[in-house]
Amino acid sequence: MPITLIVEIALSALLIATVGYCAVLERRLSALRKGQDGLKQTIAELNAAIAGADASMRSLKTNAATITGKLEDGISRGRTVADELAMLTASGDRIAARMERAGTSPAPRPSQPSHLPASLANRLDALRPQAARNVR
């Protein structure tokens, strides 16, 4: 057998092995491409979800800032009213103390103011003793 024939048979065997390996490699690469397409779709959906979450966070921050401003205004007004009430209470306590020291009692009130209905005036009269006890 001539040496060239042996070399050609060896090269043919190597070429057949190479073609077989290329076929296997092609199948693996096509599977990888299919997986890559699925990954691209997943990444696109993830980007859309991130964009939606970002918009929601911006909306939440805006709403939180608005609500915080409203709450601060309400708290400020409440503190102002509380300060005024504390001042009025202290003033009423001082007046009651002065009247007690002087030994005078407040002027008697009419039993029924003319501008109030009888049922409301009766309820107010019933509350007066409680109010007097709360002041002392």
C-alpha atoms as a PDB file:
ATOM      1  CA  MET A   1       0.000   0.000   0.000  1.00  0.00           C
ATOM      2  CA  PRO A   2       1.334   3.266  -0.983  1.00  0.00           C
ATOM      3  CA  ILE A   3       1.873   5.811   1.770  1.00  0.00           C
ATOM      4  CA  THR A   4      -0.281   8.423   0.043  1.00  0.00           C
ATOM      5  CA  LEU A   5      -3.300   6.135   0.255  1.00  0.00           C
ATOM      6  CA  ILE A   6      -2.787   5.631   4.001  1.00  0.00           C
ATOM      7  CA  VAL A   7      -2.463   9.403   4.522  1.00  0.00           C
ATOM      8  CA  GLU A   8      -5.622  10.042   2.470  1.00  0.00           C
ATOM      9  CA  ILE A   9      -7.576   7.416   4.459  1.00  0.00           C
ATOM     10  CA  ALA A  10      -6.365   8.970   7.733  1.00  0.00           C
ATOM     11  CA  LEU A  11      -7.293  12.436   6.509  1.00  0.00           C
ATOM     12  CA  SER A  12     -10.716  11.176   5.386  1.00  0.00           C
ATOM     13  CA  ALA A  13     -11.310   9.642   8.837  1.00  0.00           C
ATOM     14  CA  LEU A  14     -10.287  12.874  10.516  1.00  0.00           C
ATOM     15  CA  LEU A  15     -12.535  14.839   8.140  1.00  0.00           C
ATOM     16  CA  ILE A  16     -15.525  12.568   8.944  1.00  0.00           C
ATOM     17  CA  ALA A  17     -14.833  13.003  12.687  1.00  0.00           C
ATOM     18  CA  THR A  18     -14.624  16.779  12.192  1.00  0.00           C
ATOM     19  CA  VAL A  19     -17.938  16.861  10.286  1.00  0.00           C
ATOM     20  CA  GLY A  20     -19.613  14.808  13.036  1.00  0.00           C
ATOM     21  CA  TYR A  21     -18.231  17.098  15.729  1.00  0.00           C
ATOM     22  CA  CYS A  22     -19.384  20.151  13.761  1.00  0.00           C
ATOM     23  CA  ALA A  23     -22.933  18.695  13.606  1.00  0.00           C
ATOM     24  CA  VAL A  24     -22.963  18.155  17.382  1.00  0.00           C
ATOM     25  CA  LEU A  25     -21.555  21.649  17.911  1.00  0.00           C
ATOM     26  CA  GLU A  26     -24.223  23.144  15.620  1.00  0.00           C
ATOM     27  CA  ARG A  27     -26.997  21.511  17.678  1.00  0.00           C
ATOM     28  CA  ARG A  28     -25.517  22.869  20.895  1.00  0.00           C
ATOM     29  CA  LEU A  29     -25.127  26.361  19.450  1.00  0.00           C
ATOM     30  CA  SER A  30     -28.749  26.405  18.216  1.00  0.00           C
ATOM     31  CA  ALA A  31     -29.936  25.383  21.695  1.00  0.00           C
ATOM     32  CA  LEU A  32     -27.813  28.176  23.160  1.00  0.00           C
ATOM     33  CA  ARG A  33     -29.340  30.692  20.721  1.00  0.00           C
ATOM     34  CA  LYS A  34     -32.858  29.597  21.702  1.00  0.00           C
ATOM     35  CA  GLY A  35     -31.970  30.047  25.364  1.00  0.00           C
ATOM     36  CA  GLN A  36     -30.458  33.405  24.556  1.00  0.00           C
ATOM     37  CA  ASP A  37     -33.694  34.538  22.861  1.00  0.00           C
ATOM     38  CA  GLY A  38     -35.643  33.526  25.971  1.00  0.00           C
ATOM     39  CA  LEU A  39     -33.130  35.390  28.100  1.00  0.00           C
ATOM     40  CA  LYS A  40     -33.556  38.506  25.941  1.00  0.00           C
ATOM     41  CA  GLN A  41     -37.326  38.348  26.451  1.00  0.00           C
ATOM     42  CA  THR A  42     -36.885  37.885  30.205  1.00  0.00           C
ATOM     43  CA  ILE A  43     -34.503  40.847  30.360  1.00  0.00           C
ATOM     44  CA  ALA A  44     -36.958  43.014  28.390  1.00  0.00           C
ATOM     45  CA  GLU A  45     -39.776  42.100  30.810  1.00  0.00           C
ATOM     46  CA  LEU A  46     -37.510  42.807  33.762  1.00  0.00           C
ATOM     47  CA  ASN A  47     -36.609  46.230  32.340  1.00  0.00           C
ATOM     48  CA  ALA A  48     -40.308  47.034  31.896  1.00  0.00           C
ATOM     49  CA  ALA A  49     -41.020  45.984  35.488  1.00  0.00           C
ATOM     50  CA  ILE A  50     -38.142  48.141  36.752  1.00  0.00           C
ATOM     51  CA  ALA A  51     -39.453  51.135  34.794  1.00  0.00           C
ATOM     52  CA  GLY A  52     -42.919  50.616  36.301  1.00  0.00           C
ATOM     53  CA  ALA A  53     -41.464  50.327  39.807  1.00  0.00           C
ATOM     54  CA  ASP A  54     -39.465  53.514  39.257  1.00  0.00           C
ATOM     55  CA  ALA A  55     -42.596  55.390  38.209  1.00  0.00           C
ATOM     56  CA  SER A  56     -44.444  54.039  41.257  1.00  0.00           C
ATOM     57  CA  MET A  57     -41.635  55.109  43.588  1.00  0.00           C
ATOM     58  CA  ARG A  58     -41.648  58.623  42.136  1.00  0.00           C
ATOM     59  CA  SER A  59     -45.420  58.793  42.623  1.00  0.00           C
ATOM     60  CA  LEU A  60     -45.086  57.555  46.208  1.00  0.00           C
ATOM     61  CA  LYS A  61     -42.399  60.146  46.970  1.00  0.00           C
ATOM     62  CA  THR A  62     -44.574  62.925  45.562  1.00  0.00           C
ATOM     63  CA  ASN A  63     -47.621  61.767  47.530  1.00  0.00           C
ATOM     64  CA  ALA A  64     -45.562  61.367  50.706  1.00  0.00           C
ATOM     65  CA  ALA A  65     -44.226  64.911  50.356  1.00  0.00           C
ATOM     66  CA  THR A  66     -47.749  66.277  49.863  1.00  0.00           C
ATOM     67  CA  ILE A  67     -49.146  64.373  52.835  1.00  0.00           C
ATOM     68  CA  THR A  68     -46.186  65.380  54.996  1.00  0.00           C
ATOM     69  CA  GLY A  69     -46.854  69.039  54.222  1.00  0.00           C
ATOM     70  CA  LYS A  70     -50.528  68.672  55.093  1.00  0.00           C
ATOM     71  CA  LEU A  71     -49.716  66.867  58.341  1.00  0.00           C
ATOM     72  CA  GLU A  72     -47.183  69.509  59.341  1.00  0.00           C
ATOM     73  CA  ASP A  73     -49.778  72.219  58.726  1.00  0.00           C
ATOM     74  CA  GLY A  74     -52.344  70.332  60.808  1.00  0.00           C
ATOM     75  CA  ILE A  75     -49.857  69.774  63.625  1.00  0.00           C
ATOM     76  CA  SER A  76     -48.894  73.444  63.570  1.00  0.00           C
ATOM     77  CA  ARG A  77     -52.537  74.516  63.776  1.00  0.00           C
ATOM     78  CA  GLY A  78     -53.176  71.999  66.545  1.00  0.00           C
ATOM     79  CA  ARG A  79     -50.242  73.301  68.564  1.00  0.00           C
ATOM     80  CA  THR A  80     -51.472  76.863  68.114  1.00  0.00           C
ATOM     81  CA  VAL A  81     -54.954  75.905  69.337  1.00  0.00           C
ATOM     82  CA  ALA A  82     -53.461  73.935  72.253  1.00  0.00           C
ATOM     83  CA  ASP A  83     -51.346  76.943  73.242  1.00  0.00           C
ATOM     84  CA  GLU A  84     -54.389  79.215  73.085  1.00  0.00           C
ATOM     85  CA  LEU A  85     -56.438  76.774  75.163  1.00  0.00           C
ATOM     86  CA  ALA A  86     -53.645  76.487  77.726  1.00  0.00           C
ATOM     87  CA  MET A  87     -53.496  80.273  77.967  1.00  0.00           C
ATOM     88  CA  LEU A  88     -57.296  80.516  78.364  1.00  0.00           C
ATOM     89  CA  THR A  89     -57.298  77.752  80.992  1.00  0.00           C
ATOM     90  CA  ALA A  90     -54.536  79.452  82.954  1.00  0.00           C
ATOM     91  CA  SER A  91     -56.393  82.746  82.737  1.00  0.00           C
ATOM     92  CA  GLY A  92     -59.611  81.088  83.941  1.00  0.00           C
ATOM     93  CA  ASP A  93     -57.735  79.456  86.835  1.00  0.00           C
ATOM     94  CA  ARG A  94     -56.293  82.823  87.877  1.00  0.00           C
ATOM     95  CA  ILE A  95     -59.703  84.460  87.736  1.00  0.00           C
ATOM     96  CA  ALA A  96     -61.274  81.618  89.754  1.00  0.00           C
ATOM     97  CA  ALA A  97     -58.490  81.873  92.356  1.00  0.00           C
ATOM     98  CA  ARG A  98     -58.992  85.628  92.684  1.00  0.00           C
ATOM     99  CA  MET A  99     -62.731  85.167  93.087  1.00  0.00           C
ATOM    100  CA  GLU A 100     -62.174  82.480  95.714  1.00  0.00           C
ATOM    101  CA  ARG A 101     -59.809  84.740  97.674  1.00  0.00           C
ATOM    102  CA  ALA A 102     -62.233  87.608  97.468  1.00  0.00           C
ATOM    103  CA  GLY A 103     -65.041  85.360  98.684  1.00  0.00           C
ATOM    104  CA  THR A 104     -67.324  86.200  95.842  1.00  0.00           C
ATOM    105  CA  SER A 105     -69.199  83.838  93.625  1.00  0.00           C
ATOM    106  CA  PRO A 106     -69.986  84.420  90.009  1.00  0.00           C
ATOM    107  CA  ALA A 107     -73.132  86.289  89.193  1.00  0.00           C
ATOM    108  CA  PRO A 108     -76.149  84.002  89.039  1.00  0.00           C
ATOM    109  CA  ARG A 109     -77.167  83.184  85.533  1.00  0.00           C
ATOM    110  CA  PRO A 110     -80.737  83.262  84.382  1.00  0.00           C
ATOM    111  CA  SER A 111     -82.253  79.824  84.487  1.00  0.00           C
ATOM    112  CA  GLN A 112     -83.271  79.888  80.850  1.00  0.00           C
ATOM    113  CA  PRO A 113     -81.804  82.254  78.240  1.00  0.00           C
ATOM    114  CA  SER A 114     -84.516  83.646  76.065  1.00  0.00           C
ATOM    115  CA  HIS A 115     -82.800  82.801  72.792  1.00  0.00           C
ATOM    116  CA  LEU A 116     -82.383  79.061  73.539  1.00  0.00           C
ATOM    117  CA  PRO A 117     -85.091  76.392  73.351  1.00  0.00           C
ATOM    118  CA  ALA A 118     -86.205  75.039  76.707  1.00  0.00           C
ATOM    119  CA  SER A 119     -84.751  71.525  76.191  1.00  0.00           C
ATOM    120  CA  LEU A 120     -81.297  72.861  75.259  1.00  0.00           C
ATOM    121  CA  ALA A 121     -81.310  75.331  78.135  1.00  0.00           C
ATOM    122  CA  ASN A 122     -82.202  72.486  80.562  1.00  0.00           C
ATOM    123  CA  ARG A 123     -79.295  70.408  79.256  1.00  0.00           C
ATOM    124  CA  LEU A 124     -76.928  73.340  79.662  1.00  0.00           C
ATOM    125  CA  ASP A 125     -78.163  73.935  83.222  1.00  0.00           C
ATOM    126  CA  ALA A 126     -77.517  70.274  84.016  1.00  0.00           C
ATOM    127  CA  LEU A 127     -73.927  70.594  82.767  1.00  0.00           C
ATOM    128  CA  ARG A 128     -73.097  73.730  84.780  1.00  0.00           C
ATOM    129  CA  PRO A 129     -72.347  71.952  88.084  1.00  0.00           C
ATOM    130  CA  GLN A 130     -69.989  69.563  86.287  1.00  0.00           C
ATOM    131  CA  ALA A 131     -68.229  72.469  84.597  1.00  0.00           C
ATOM    132  CA  ALA A 132     -67.833  74.249  87.933  1.00  0.00           C
ATOM    133  CA  ARG A 133     -66.214  71.146  89.468  1.00  0.00           C
ATOM    134  CA  ASN A 134     -63.837  70.792  86.495  1.00  0.00           C
ATOM    135  CA  VAL A 135     -62.660  74.407  86.833  1.00  0.00           C
ATOM    136  CA  ARG A 136     -61.595  73.929  90.445  1.00  0.00           C
END
